[in-house]
Amino acid sequence: MKTTEKTFRPDIRPGATVRVHQKITEMNTKGENKERIQVFEGVVFARKHGSEIGAGITVRRISEGVGVEKVYPLFSPLITKIEVLKQGVVRRAKLAYLRDPNKKLKDSRKK
């Protein structure tokens, strides 16, 4: 596969709950390389660069009370599969309000 070819990815938009399968290469104590698939499930926080080759998504989840964000290039050969579990209804392109749910959104109409 050439690096300029795009692989098929489902329509992923902010607010979607996705499961990203990523290929991880590890080295064991004997020095042998071992590959495994790591799954990261969370909410799509942002999508950047549309449908370009350099497009990417930011996925966020809460792990043991701490927020974890990972940025995935959509067309990376290390991403084996992206499953869209459900699509949430959002009105913003970047969901920064998910970082601190206690903080209120600024309303530009109030004076």
C-alpha atoms as a PDB file:
ATOM      1  CA  MET A   1       0.000   0.000   0.000  1.00  0.00           C
ATOM      2  CA  LYS A   2       1.389   3.386  -0.929  1.00  0.00           C
ATOM      3  CA  THR A   3       1.564   6.076   1.711  1.00  0.00           C
ATOM      4  CA  THR A   4      -0.551   8.397  -0.441  1.00  0.00           C
ATOM      5  CA  GLU A   5      -3.457   5.962  -0.763  1.00  0.00           C
ATOM      6  CA  LYS A   6      -6.389   6.477   1.557  1.00  0.00           C
ATOM      7  CA  THR A   7      -7.983   3.563   3.338  1.00  0.00           C
ATOM      8  CA  PHE A   8     -11.712   3.570   3.947  1.00  0.00           C
ATOM      9  CA  ARG A   9     -12.753   5.129   7.238  1.00  0.00           C
ATOM     10  CA  PRO A  10     -16.342   5.572   8.392  1.00  0.00           C
ATOM     11  CA  ASP A  11     -17.787   9.067   8.760  1.00  0.00           C
ATOM     12  CA  ILE A  12     -16.361  10.069  12.121  1.00  0.00           C
ATOM     13  CA  ARG A  13     -17.633  13.311  13.616  1.00  0.00           C
ATOM     14  CA  PRO A  14     -17.215  15.006  17.007  1.00  0.00           C
ATOM     15  CA  GLY A  15     -19.523  13.547  19.633  1.00  0.00           C
ATOM     16  CA  ALA A  16     -19.272  10.001  18.279  1.00  0.00           C
ATOM     17  CA  THR A  17     -18.301   7.191  20.627  1.00  0.00           C
ATOM     18  CA  VAL A  18     -15.658   5.141  18.825  1.00  0.00           C
ATOM     19  CA  ARG A  19     -13.457   2.135  19.430  1.00  0.00           C
ATOM     20  CA  VAL A  20      -9.999   2.503  17.832  1.00  0.00           C
ATOM     21  CA  HIS A  21      -7.892  -0.636  17.225  1.00  0.00           C
ATOM     22  CA  GLN A  22      -4.186   0.211  17.052  1.00  0.00           C
ATOM     23  CA  LYS A  23      -1.271  -2.095  16.277  1.00  0.00           C
ATOM     24  CA  ILE A  24       1.386  -1.962  19.032  1.00  0.00           C
ATOM     25  CA  THR A  25       4.869  -3.460  18.672  1.00  0.00           C
ATOM     26  CA  GLU A  26       6.531  -4.513  21.920  1.00  0.00           C
ATOM     27  CA  MET A  27       9.832  -6.142  22.744  1.00  0.00           C
ATOM     28  CA  ASN A  28       9.863  -8.956  25.292  1.00  0.00           C
ATOM     29  CA  THR A  29      12.740  -9.838  27.647  1.00  0.00           C
ATOM     30  CA  LYS A  30      14.330 -12.126  25.048  1.00  0.00           C
ATOM     31  CA  GLY A  31      14.545  -9.257  22.563  1.00  0.00           C
ATOM     32  CA  GLU A  32      11.830 -10.570  20.252  1.00  0.00           C
ATOM     33  CA  ASN A  33       9.370  -8.143  18.680  1.00  0.00           C
ATOM     34  CA  LYS A  34       5.757  -8.975  19.366  1.00  0.00           C
ATOM     35  CA  GLU A  35       2.687  -7.310  17.855  1.00  0.00           C
ATOM     36  CA  ARG A  36      -0.676  -6.921  19.517  1.00  0.00           C
ATOM     37  CA  ILE A  37      -3.837  -4.907  18.981  1.00  0.00           C
ATOM     38  CA  GLN A  38      -4.670  -2.270  21.600  1.00  0.00           C
ATOM     39  CA  VAL A  39      -8.258  -0.999  21.786  1.00  0.00           C
ATOM     40  CA  PHE A  40      -9.051   2.538  22.968  1.00  0.00           C
ATOM     41  CA  GLU A  41     -12.709   3.493  23.389  1.00  0.00           C
ATOM     42  CA  GLY A  42     -13.907   7.045  23.943  1.00  0.00           C
ATOM     43  CA  VAL A  43     -15.671  10.119  22.604  1.00  0.00           C
ATOM     44  CA  VAL A  44     -14.363  11.938  19.529  1.00  0.00           C
ATOM     45  CA  PHE A  45     -13.324  15.308  20.880  1.00  0.00           C
ATOM     46  CA  ALA A  46     -12.221  16.919  17.606  1.00  0.00           C
ATOM     47  CA  ARG A  47     -11.527  16.155  13.979  1.00  0.00           C
ATOM     48  CA  LYS A  48      -8.858  17.995  12.051  1.00  0.00           C
ATOM     49  CA  HIS A  49      -8.008  18.451   8.377  1.00  0.00           C
ATOM     50  CA  GLY A  50     -11.219  16.991   6.938  1.00  0.00           C
ATOM     51  CA  SER A  51     -10.587  14.143   4.505  1.00  0.00           C
ATOM     52  CA  GLU A  52      -6.935  14.909   3.717  1.00  0.00           C
ATOM     53  CA  ILE A  53      -4.170  12.350   4.087  1.00  0.00           C
ATOM     54  CA  GLY A  54      -3.058  14.169   7.260  1.00  0.00           C
ATOM     55  CA  ALA A  55      -6.528  14.033   8.848  1.00  0.00           C
ATOM     56  CA  GLY A  56      -6.779  13.033  12.470  1.00  0.00           C
ATOM     57  CA  ILE A  57      -9.141  12.669  15.391  1.00  0.00           C
ATOM     58  CA  THR A  58      -8.751  13.286  19.109  1.00  0.00           C
ATOM     59  CA  VAL A  59     -10.420  10.658  21.297  1.00  0.00           C
ATOM     60  CA  ARG A  60     -11.049  11.240  25.013  1.00  0.00           C
ATOM     61  CA  ARG A  61     -12.060   8.935  27.813  1.00  0.00           C
ATOM     62  CA  ILE A  62     -11.987   8.907  31.600  1.00  0.00           C
ATOM     63  CA  SER A  63      -9.664   6.253  33.012  1.00  0.00           C
ATOM     64  CA  GLU A  64      -9.621   5.788  36.806  1.00  0.00           C
ATOM     65  CA  GLY A  65     -10.876   9.336  37.340  1.00  0.00           C
ATOM     66  CA  VAL A  66      -8.288  10.919  35.029  1.00  0.00           C
ATOM     67  CA  GLY A  67      -9.092  12.226  31.551  1.00  0.00           C
ATOM     68  CA  VAL A  68      -6.978  10.623  28.812  1.00  0.00           C
ATOM     69  CA  GLU A  69      -6.814  12.063  25.288  1.00  0.00           C
ATOM     70  CA  LYS A  70      -5.142  10.395  22.325  1.00  0.00           C
ATOM     71  CA  VAL A  71      -4.638  11.847  18.864  1.00  0.00           C
ATOM     72  CA  TYR A  72      -4.904   9.344  16.017  1.00  0.00           C
ATOM     73  CA  PRO A  73      -3.953   9.985  12.386  1.00  0.00           C
ATOM     74  CA  LEU A  74      -6.897   8.542  10.448  1.00  0.00           C
ATOM     75  CA  PHE A  75      -4.907   7.063   7.593  1.00  0.00           C
ATOM     76  CA  SER A  76      -2.040   5.590   9.614  1.00  0.00           C
ATOM     77  CA  PRO A  77      -1.125   1.981   8.747  1.00  0.00           C
ATOM     78  CA  LEU A  78      -1.004   1.265  12.493  1.00  0.00           C
ATOM     79  CA  ILE A  79      -4.751   1.902  12.855  1.00  0.00           C
ATOM     80  CA  THR A  80      -6.343  -1.399  11.905  1.00  0.00           C
ATOM     81  CA  LYS A  81      -9.999  -0.558  12.522  1.00  0.00           C
ATOM     82  CA  ILE A  82     -12.244   2.220  13.798  1.00  0.00           C
ATOM     83  CA  GLU A  83     -15.711   1.230  14.977  1.00  0.00           C
ATOM     84  CA  VAL A  84     -18.378   3.902  15.467  1.00  0.00           C
ATOM     85  CA  LEU A  85     -20.523   2.700  18.373  1.00  0.00           C
ATOM     86  CA  LYS A  86     -22.943   5.634  18.523  1.00  0.00           C
ATOM     87  CA  GLN A  87     -23.199   9.215  17.299  1.00  0.00           C
ATOM     88  CA  GLY A  88     -23.983  11.938  19.810  1.00  0.00           C
ATOM     89  CA  VAL A  89     -25.746  15.181  18.925  1.00  0.00           C
ATOM     90  CA  VAL A  90     -23.352  18.118  19.262  1.00  0.00           C
ATOM     91  CA  ARG A  91     -23.313  21.654  17.923  1.00  0.00           C
ATOM     92  CA  ARG A  92     -19.595  22.313  18.033  1.00  0.00           C
ATOM     93  CA  ALA A  93     -16.583  21.155  16.043  1.00  0.00           C
ATOM     94  CA  LYS A  94     -14.306  20.979  19.094  1.00  0.00           C
ATOM     95  CA  LEU A  95     -15.837  19.682  22.319  1.00  0.00           C
ATOM     96  CA  ALA A  96     -13.629  21.551  24.810  1.00  0.00           C
ATOM     97  CA  TYR A  97     -16.480  21.668  27.320  1.00  0.00           C
ATOM     98  CA  LEU A  98     -15.990  17.941  27.947  1.00  0.00           C
ATOM     99  CA  ARG A  99     -12.640  18.640  29.631  1.00  0.00           C
ATOM    100  CA  ASP A 100     -14.288  20.411  32.556  1.00  0.00           C
ATOM    101  CA  PRO A 101     -18.012  19.632  32.724  1.00  0.00           C
ATOM    102  CA  ASN A 102     -18.443  21.902  35.776  1.00  0.00           C
ATOM    103  CA  LYS A 103     -17.354  24.984  33.847  1.00  0.00           C
ATOM    104  CA  LYS A 104     -20.209  26.835  32.137  1.00  0.00           C
ATOM    105  CA  LEU A 105     -20.067  27.827  28.483  1.00  0.00           C
ATOM    106  CA  LYS A 106     -19.670  31.532  27.899  1.00  0.00           C
ATOM    107  CA  ASP A 107     -22.755  32.998  26.318  1.00  0.00           C
ATOM    108  CA  SER A 108     -21.726  35.816  24.011  1.00  0.00           C
ATOM    109  CA  ARG A 109     -25.276  37.252  24.081  1.00  0.00           C
ATOM    110  CA  LYS A 110     -25.143  38.087  27.803  1.00  0.00           C
ATOM    111  CA  LYS A 111     -23.785  41.491  28.691  1.00  0.00           C
END
